[in-house]
Amino acid sequence: MRRDPGRGEAGGPQVSESPSLTGAAVGRRIGIGLMYGLWKPRVLGAWKVPVSGPVILAVNHSHNIDGPMVMGTAPRPLHFLIKKEAYVGPLGPFLDGIGQVKVDRTGADRAAIGRALKVLDNGGALGIFPEGTRGEGDFASLRAGLAYFAVRSGAPIVPVAVLGSSENRGKLIPGLPPFKSRVDVVFGSAFDAGDGTGRRTRTALDQATTRIQDRLTAHLADAKRLTGR
């Protein structure tokens, strides 16, 4: 039987080229230079990120600098899932070059799913905004994508809280936090989203999403107490 070249085994996600780890390492160095050059990140708990093996960093999202801030403060190169709307003009080739994953949020983007799973299959670190878009940054509304990647790959999840990026507006550039202001990045303890059975049914994913939301919400509350935000 002829297999559809756009799909993986058993109708799985489309097989795509793996994002560049070398590019992600370059992106991390750029993030370090920009984030520490423009602001004053205070990083707590970075040692909790596994030093090797697949891992998913689940980040709250209230400002556009949250992704670059985590890229510049995480102890490992990251491949973030980034909405296709950000790939405008020269920014598109740049994001591809630093190993990020473009995703179309209007439907099930099989190419993006395949590339993200390859990151994890290769033992890399995947960054996800589980709320799907910028909002209050409180993990109040999670999409099922994070649960799917975690259960499908078996990768642990590290919750990450970025605090202070949206508190004040800068004078020179109102769309950014004030330059040299403090932004806190708090990494939490890694946890497994699945129930240990490896099931990927809709019920199992819904239950995993509930477990994830409870852990992320608790981490955010702990991070606020720890930082005084």
C-alpha atoms as a PDB file:
ATOM      1  CA  MET A   1       0.000   0.000   0.000  1.00  0.00           C
ATOM      2  CA  ARG A   2       1.313   3.427  -0.891  1.00  0.00           C
ATOM      3  CA  ARG A   3       1.849   5.715   2.078  1.00  0.00           C
ATOM      4  CA  ASP A   4       0.940   9.384   1.947  1.00  0.00           C
ATOM      5  CA  PRO A   5       4.320  11.181   1.956  1.00  0.00           C
ATOM      6  CA  GLY A   6       2.852  13.980   4.013  1.00  0.00           C
ATOM      7  CA  ARG A   7       2.115  11.737   6.976  1.00  0.00           C
ATOM      8  CA  GLY A   8       4.141   9.602   9.346  1.00  0.00           C
ATOM      9  CA  GLU A   9       3.531   6.022  10.372  1.00  0.00           C
ATOM     10  CA  ALA A  10      -0.066   5.078  11.220  1.00  0.00           C
ATOM     11  CA  GLY A  11      -1.342   8.476  10.153  1.00  0.00           C
ATOM     12  CA  GLY A  12       0.929  10.303  12.589  1.00  0.00           C
ATOM     13  CA  PRO A  13       2.343  13.801  12.280  1.00  0.00           C
ATOM     14  CA  GLN A  14       4.099  14.824   9.110  1.00  0.00           C
ATOM     15  CA  VAL A  15       7.790  13.942   9.092  1.00  0.00           C
ATOM     16  CA  SER A  16       9.767  17.169   8.842  1.00  0.00           C
ATOM     17  CA  GLU A  17      13.352  18.282   8.976  1.00  0.00           C
ATOM     18  CA  SER A  18      14.652  18.600  12.516  1.00  0.00           C
ATOM     19  CA  PRO A  19      15.242  22.204  13.658  1.00  0.00           C
ATOM     20  CA  SER A  20      18.921  23.095  13.921  1.00  0.00           C
ATOM     21  CA  LEU A  21      20.465  22.573  17.361  1.00  0.00           C
ATOM     22  CA  THR A  22      23.436  24.665  16.260  1.00  0.00           C
ATOM     23  CA  GLY A  23      21.026  27.422  15.276  1.00  0.00           C
ATOM     24  CA  ALA A  24      19.276  27.202  18.643  1.00  0.00           C
ATOM     25  CA  ALA A  25      22.658  27.524  20.380  1.00  0.00           C
ATOM     26  CA  VAL A  26      23.328  30.677  18.354  1.00  0.00           C
ATOM     27  CA  GLY A  27      19.863  31.945  19.288  1.00  0.00           C
ATOM     28  CA  ARG A  28      20.659  31.351  22.958  1.00  0.00           C
ATOM     29  CA  ARG A  29      23.834  33.438  22.698  1.00  0.00           C
ATOM     30  CA  ILE A  30      21.900  36.228  20.983  1.00  0.00           C
ATOM     31  CA  GLY A  31      19.237  36.024  23.702  1.00  0.00           C
ATOM     32  CA  ILE A  32      21.874  36.269  26.432  1.00  0.00           C
ATOM     33  CA  GLY A  33      23.386  39.375  24.846  1.00  0.00           C
ATOM     34  CA  LEU A  34      20.081  41.149  24.248  1.00  0.00           C
ATOM     35  CA  MET A  35      18.265  40.257  27.456  1.00  0.00           C
ATOM     36  CA  TYR A  36      21.183  40.984  29.795  1.00  0.00           C
ATOM     37  CA  GLY A  37      22.145  44.027  27.750  1.00  0.00           C
ATOM     38  CA  LEU A  38      18.710  45.654  27.782  1.00  0.00           C
ATOM     39  CA  TRP A  39      17.234  44.447  31.083  1.00  0.00           C
ATOM     40  CA  LYS A  40      18.281  42.925  34.393  1.00  0.00           C
ATOM     41  CA  PRO A  41      17.076  39.321  34.454  1.00  0.00           C
ATOM     42  CA  ARG A  42      17.013  37.635  37.834  1.00  0.00           C
ATOM     43  CA  VAL A  43      17.097  33.886  37.221  1.00  0.00           C
ATOM     44  CA  LEU A  44      15.972  31.436  39.888  1.00  0.00           C
ATOM     45  CA  GLY A  45      15.943  27.638  39.749  1.00  0.00           C
ATOM     46  CA  ALA A  46      17.736  27.198  36.413  1.00  0.00           C
ATOM     47  CA  TRP A  47      19.499  24.183  37.937  1.00  0.00           C
ATOM     48  CA  LYS A  48      16.148  22.377  37.925  1.00  0.00           C
ATOM     49  CA  VAL A  49      16.216  22.064  34.116  1.00  0.00           C
ATOM     50  CA  PRO A  50      17.565  18.596  33.193  1.00  0.00           C
ATOM     51  CA  VAL A  51      21.041  19.005  31.711  1.00  0.00           C
ATOM     52  CA  SER A  52      20.386  16.456  28.957  1.00  0.00           C
ATOM     53  CA  GLY A  53      17.582  14.503  27.354  1.00  0.00           C
ATOM     54  CA  PRO A  54      14.221  15.675  26.044  1.00  0.00           C
ATOM     55  CA  VAL A  55      12.440  18.326  28.073  1.00  0.00           C
ATOM     56  CA  ILE A  56       9.567  20.754  27.549  1.00  0.00           C
ATOM     57  CA  LEU A  57       9.691  24.237  29.067  1.00  0.00           C
ATOM     58  CA  ALA A  58       6.144  25.531  29.613  1.00  0.00           C
ATOM     59  CA  VAL A  59       6.243  29.330  29.849  1.00  0.00           C
ATOM     60  CA  ASN A  60       3.548  31.825  30.847  1.00  0.00           C
ATOM     61  CA  HIS A  61       3.081  34.565  28.271  1.00  0.00           C
ATOM     62  CA  SER A  62       2.122  38.182  28.888  1.00  0.00           C
ATOM     63  CA  HIS A  63       4.669  40.054  26.725  1.00  0.00           C
ATOM     64  CA  ASN A  64       6.545  39.603  23.458  1.00  0.00           C
ATOM     65  CA  ILE A  65       9.918  39.499  25.230  1.00  0.00           C
ATOM     66  CA  ASP A  66       8.960  36.422  27.295  1.00  0.00           C
ATOM     67  CA  GLY A  67      10.250  33.981  24.679  1.00  0.00           C
ATOM     68  CA  PRO A  68      13.586  35.744  24.048  1.00  0.00           C
ATOM     69  CA  MET A  69      13.973  36.245  27.810  1.00  0.00           C
ATOM     70  CA  VAL A  70      13.682  32.494  28.461  1.00  0.00           C
ATOM     71  CA  MET A  71      15.950  31.716  25.508  1.00  0.00           C
ATOM     72  CA  GLY A  72      18.597  33.991  27.029  1.00  0.00           C
ATOM     73  CA  THR A  73      18.285  32.714  30.589  1.00  0.00           C
ATOM     74  CA  ALA A  74      17.647  28.969  30.174  1.00  0.00           C
ATOM     75  CA  PRO A  75      20.701  26.745  30.690  1.00  0.00           C
ATOM     76  CA  ARG A  76      20.076  24.924  27.382  1.00  0.00           C
ATOM     77  CA  PRO A  77      19.377  25.981  23.781  1.00  0.00           C
ATOM     78  CA  LEU A  78      15.634  26.103  23.135  1.00  0.00           C
ATOM     79  CA  HIS A  79      13.408  25.460  20.144  1.00  0.00           C
ATOM     80  CA  PHE A  80      10.243  27.518  20.703  1.00  0.00           C
ATOM     81  CA  LEU A  81       6.935  26.976  18.966  1.00  0.00           C
ATOM     82  CA  ILE A  82       6.283  30.404  17.418  1.00  0.00           C
ATOM     83  CA  LYS A  83       3.133  31.542  15.619  1.00  0.00           C
ATOM     84  CA  LYS A  84       3.538  31.954  11.861  1.00  0.00           C
ATOM     85  CA  GLU A  85       2.357  35.575  12.105  1.00  0.00           C
ATOM     86  CA  ALA A  86       5.743  36.431  13.657  1.00  0.00           C
ATOM     87  CA  TYR A  87       7.572  35.212  10.543  1.00  0.00           C
ATOM     88  CA  VAL A  88       7.347  38.549   8.738  1.00  0.00           C
ATOM     89  CA  GLY A  89      10.038  39.867   6.403  1.00  0.00           C
ATOM     90  CA  PRO A  90      13.637  39.128   7.433  1.00  0.00           C
ATOM     91  CA  LEU A  91      12.469  37.888  10.840  1.00  0.00           C
ATOM     92  CA  GLY A  92      11.200  34.666   9.233  1.00  0.00           C
ATOM     93  CA  PRO A  93      14.562  33.416   7.896  1.00  0.00           C
ATOM     94  CA  PHE A  94      16.205  34.571  11.142  1.00  0.00           C
ATOM     95  CA  LEU A  95      13.833  32.502  13.309  1.00  0.00           C
ATOM     96  CA  ASP A  96      14.328  29.487  11.040  1.00  0.00           C
ATOM     97  CA  GLY A  97      18.088  29.982  11.266  1.00  0.00           C
ATOM     98  CA  ILE A  98      18.097  29.912  15.059  1.00  0.00           C
ATOM     99  CA  GLY A  99      16.156  26.666  15.178  1.00  0.00           C
ATOM    100  CA  GLN A 100      12.673  27.857  16.078  1.00  0.00           C
ATOM    101  CA  VAL A 101       9.480  26.070  14.989  1.00  0.00           C
ATOM    102  CA  LYS A 102       6.857  27.955  12.981  1.00  0.00           C
ATOM    103  CA  VAL A 103       3.306  26.874  13.753  1.00  0.00           C
ATOM    104  CA  ASP A 104      -0.019  27.691  12.095  1.00  0.00           C
ATOM    105  CA  ARG A 105      -2.526  28.061  14.926  1.00  0.00           C
ATOM    106  CA  THR A 106      -5.584  27.975  12.652  1.00  0.00           C
ATOM    107  CA  GLY A 107      -5.581  24.179  12.531  1.00  0.00           C
ATOM    108  CA  ALA A 108      -3.603  21.021  13.230  1.00  0.00           C
ATOM    109  CA  ASP A 109      -0.215  21.982  11.768  1.00  0.00           C
ATOM    110  CA  ARG A 110       1.265  18.535  11.119  1.00  0.00           C
ATOM    111  CA  ALA A 111       4.564  19.917   9.867  1.00  0.00           C
ATOM    112  CA  ALA A 112       5.055  21.886  13.092  1.00  0.00           C
ATOM    113  CA  ILE A 113       3.996  18.906  15.203  1.00  0.00           C
ATOM    114  CA  GLY A 114       6.496  16.707  13.391  1.00  0.00           C
ATOM    115  CA  ARG A 115       9.343  19.188  13.833  1.00  0.00           C
ATOM    116  CA  ALA A 116       8.553  19.672  17.530  1.00  0.00           C
ATOM    117  CA  LEU A 117       8.490  15.920  18.146  1.00  0.00           C
ATOM    118  CA  LYS A 118      11.820  15.578  16.334  1.00  0.00           C
ATOM    119  CA  VAL A 119      13.336  18.083  18.763  1.00  0.00           C
ATOM    120  CA  LEU A 120      12.261  15.838  21.637  1.00  0.00           C
ATOM    121  CA  ASP A 121      13.164  12.595  19.858  1.00  0.00           C
ATOM    122  CA  ASN A 122      16.678  14.015  19.404  1.00  0.00           C
ATOM    123  CA  GLY A 123      16.939  14.801  23.119  1.00  0.00           C
ATOM    124  CA  GLY A 124      16.412  18.548  22.720  1.00  0.00           C
ATOM    125  CA  ALA A 125      14.559  21.210  24.705  1.00  0.00           C
ATOM    126  CA  LEU A 126      11.212  22.464  23.390  1.00  0.00           C
ATOM    127  CA  GLY A 127       9.724  25.774  24.542  1.00  0.00           C
ATOM    128  CA  ILE A 128       5.934  26.165  24.552  1.00  0.00           C
ATOM    129  CA  PHE A 129       3.496  28.887  25.561  1.00  0.00           C
ATOM    130  CA  PRO A 130       0.694  26.536  26.666  1.00  0.00           C
ATOM    131  CA  GLU A 131      -1.878  29.340  26.692  1.00  0.00           C
ATOM    132  CA  GLY A 132      -1.408  29.584  22.935  1.00  0.00           C
ATOM    133  CA  THR A 133      -1.148  33.366  22.795  1.00  0.00           C
ATOM    134  CA  ARG A 134      -0.312  36.400  24.895  1.00  0.00           C
ATOM    135  CA  GLY A 135      -2.772  37.042  27.700  1.00  0.00           C
ATOM    136  CA  GLU A 136      -2.681  37.566  31.427  1.00  0.00           C
ATOM    137  CA  GLY A 137       0.183  35.099  31.729  1.00  0.00           C
ATOM    138  CA  ASP A 138      -1.596  33.195  34.486  1.00  0.00           C
ATOM    139  CA  PHE A 139      -1.929  29.757  32.832  1.00  0.00           C
ATOM    140  CA  ALA A 140      -5.714  30.123  33.191  1.00  0.00           C
ATOM    141  CA  SER A 141      -6.557  28.694  29.761  1.00  0.00           C
ATOM    142  CA  LEU A 142      -4.367  25.859  28.517  1.00  0.00           C
ATOM    143  CA  ARG A 143      -4.581  24.247  25.107  1.00  0.00           C
ATOM    144  CA  ALA A 144      -4.170  20.506  24.682  1.00  0.00           C
ATOM    145  CA  GLY A 145      -0.980  20.785  22.605  1.00  0.00           C
ATOM    146  CA  LEU A 146       1.343  20.734  25.599  1.00  0.00           C
ATOM    147  CA  ALA A 147      -0.259  17.559  26.964  1.00  0.00           C
ATOM    148  CA  TYR A 148       0.034  15.869  23.567  1.00  0.00           C
ATOM    149  CA  PHE A 149       3.749  16.622  23.214  1.00  0.00           C
ATOM    150  CA  ALA A 150       4.474  15.554  26.789  1.00  0.00           C
ATOM    151  CA  VAL A 151       2.507  12.300  26.670  1.00  0.00           C
ATOM    152  CA  ARG A 152       3.539  11.446  23.102  1.00  0.00           C
ATOM    153  CA  SER A 153       7.265  11.969  23.778  1.00  0.00           C
ATOM    154  CA  GLY A 154       7.452  11.054  27.466  1.00  0.00           C
ATOM    155  CA  ALA A 155       9.467  14.234  28.032  1.00  0.00           C
ATOM    156  CA  PRO A 156       9.208  15.896  31.462  1.00  0.00           C
ATOM    157  CA  ILE A 157       7.774  19.404  31.741  1.00  0.00           C
ATOM    158  CA  VAL A 158       9.574  22.255  33.488  1.00  0.00           C
ATOM    159  CA  PRO A 159       7.249  25.148  34.414  1.00  0.00           C
ATOM    160  CA  VAL A 160       8.708  28.605  33.834  1.00  0.00           C
ATOM    161  CA  ALA A 161       7.289  31.865  35.188  1.00  0.00           C
ATOM    162  CA  VAL A 162       8.364  35.169  33.632  1.00  0.00           C
ATOM    163  CA  LEU A 163       7.403  38.029  35.944  1.00  0.00           C
ATOM    164  CA  GLY A 164       7.833  41.752  35.427  1.00  0.00           C
ATOM    165  CA  SER A 165       7.863  41.875  31.636  1.00  0.00           C
ATOM    166  CA  SER A 166       4.441  43.506  31.422  1.00  0.00           C
ATOM    167  CA  GLU A 167       4.271  45.488  34.669  1.00  0.00           C
ATOM    168  CA  ASN A 168       5.476  48.835  33.298  1.00  0.00           C
ATOM    169  CA  ARG A 169       5.900  50.533  29.937  1.00  0.00           C
ATOM    170  CA  GLY A 170       9.212  51.986  28.870  1.00  0.00           C
ATOM    171  CA  LYS A 171       9.618  55.702  28.192  1.00  0.00           C
ATOM    172  CA  LEU A 172      11.744  55.360  25.070  1.00  0.00           C
ATOM    173  CA  ILE A 173       9.789  52.432  23.599  1.00  0.00           C
ATOM    174  CA  PRO A 174       6.362  52.102  25.249  1.00  0.00           C
ATOM    175  CA  GLY A 175       5.896  48.612  23.810  1.00  0.00           C
ATOM    176  CA  LEU A 176       8.817  47.286  25.878  1.00  0.00           C
ATOM    177  CA  PRO A 177       9.525  47.112  29.624  1.00  0.00           C
ATOM    178  CA  PRO A 178      11.725  49.991  30.854  1.00  0.00           C
ATOM    179  CA  PHE A 179      15.330  49.385  29.922  1.00  0.00           C
ATOM    180  CA  LYS A 180      17.467  48.040  32.774  1.00  0.00           C
ATOM    181  CA  SER A 181      14.359  47.095  34.741  1.00  0.00           C
ATOM    182  CA  ARG A 182      14.299  43.761  36.565  1.00  0.00           C
ATOM    183  CA  VAL A 183      12.565  40.784  35.006  1.00  0.00           C
ATOM    184  CA  ASP A 184      12.312  37.589  37.046  1.00  0.00           C
ATOM    185  CA  VAL A 185      12.546  34.169  35.385  1.00  0.00           C
ATOM    186  CA  VAL A 186      11.698  31.316  37.748  1.00  0.00           C
ATOM    187  CA  PHE A 187      12.207  27.694  36.704  1.00  0.00           C
ATOM    188  CA  GLY A 188      10.256  25.016  38.551  1.00  0.00           C
ATOM    189  CA  SER A 189      10.781  21.324  39.208  1.00  0.00           C
ATOM    190  CA  ALA A 190      10.359  18.916  36.291  1.00  0.00           C
ATOM    191  CA  PHE A 191       7.306  16.647  36.330  1.00  0.00           C
ATOM    192  CA  ASP A 192       5.672  14.004  34.134  1.00  0.00           C
ATOM    193  CA  ALA A 193       2.298  14.842  32.645  1.00  0.00           C
ATOM    194  CA  GLY A 194       1.127  11.317  31.878  1.00  0.00           C
ATOM    195  CA  ASP A 195      -0.438   8.794  34.217  1.00  0.00           C
ATOM    196  CA  GLY A 196       2.276   6.208  33.589  1.00  0.00           C
ATOM    197  CA  THR A 197       0.224   4.094  31.173  1.00  0.00           C
ATOM    198  CA  GLY A 198       1.386   5.800  27.968  1.00  0.00           C
ATOM    199  CA  ARG A 199      -2.231   6.180  26.813  1.00  0.00           C
ATOM    200  CA  ARG A 200      -2.895   8.945  24.274  1.00  0.00           C
ATOM    201  CA  THR A 201      -6.690   8.823  24.184  1.00  0.00           C
ATOM    202  CA  ARG A 202      -8.716  12.016  24.345  1.00  0.00           C
ATOM    203  CA  THR A 203      -9.614  11.235  27.954  1.00  0.00           C
ATOM    204  CA  ALA A 204      -5.961  10.641  28.865  1.00  0.00           C
ATOM    205  CA  LEU A 205      -4.917  13.916  27.234  1.00  0.00           C
ATOM    206  CA  ASP A 206      -7.714  15.824  28.979  1.00  0.00           C
ATOM    207  CA  GLN A 207      -6.599  14.380  32.314  1.00  0.00           C
ATOM    208  CA  ALA A 208      -2.985  15.256  31.538  1.00  0.00           C
ATOM    209  CA  THR A 209      -4.010  18.820  30.682  1.00  0.00           C
ATOM    210  CA  THR A 210      -5.724  19.123  34.062  1.00  0.00           C
ATOM    211  CA  ARG A 211      -2.627  17.816  35.869  1.00  0.00           C
ATOM    212  CA  ILE A 212      -0.409  20.211  33.908  1.00  0.00           C
ATOM    213  CA  GLN A 213      -2.610  23.217  34.638  1.00  0.00           C
ATOM    214  CA  ASP A 214      -2.597  22.445  38.360  1.00  0.00           C
ATOM    215  CA  ARG A 215       1.212  22.211  38.416  1.00  0.00           C
ATOM    216  CA  LEU A 216       1.770  25.331  36.309  1.00  0.00           C
ATOM    217  CA  THR A 217      -0.694  27.402  38.338  1.00  0.00           C
ATOM    218  CA  ALA A 218       0.927  26.279  41.602  1.00  0.00           C
ATOM    219  CA  HIS A 219       4.397  27.117  40.240  1.00  0.00           C
ATOM    220  CA  LEU A 220       3.271  30.606  39.197  1.00  0.00           C
ATOM    221  CA  ALA A 221       1.870  31.253  42.677  1.00  0.00           C
ATOM    222  CA  ASP A 222       5.119  30.019  44.263  1.00  0.00           C
ATOM    223  CA  ALA A 223       7.174  32.193  41.882  1.00  0.00           C
ATOM    224  CA  LYS A 224       5.178  35.290  42.821  1.00  0.00           C
ATOM    225  CA  ARG A 225       5.693  34.625  46.520  1.00  0.00           C
ATOM    226  CA  LEU A 226       9.384  33.962  45.993  1.00  0.00           C
ATOM    227  CA  THR A 227       9.988  37.134  43.993  1.00  0.00           C
ATOM    228  CA  GLY A 228       7.510  39.417  45.747  1.00  0.00           C
ATOM    229  CA  ARG A 229       5.761  40.205  42.454  1.00  0.00           C
END
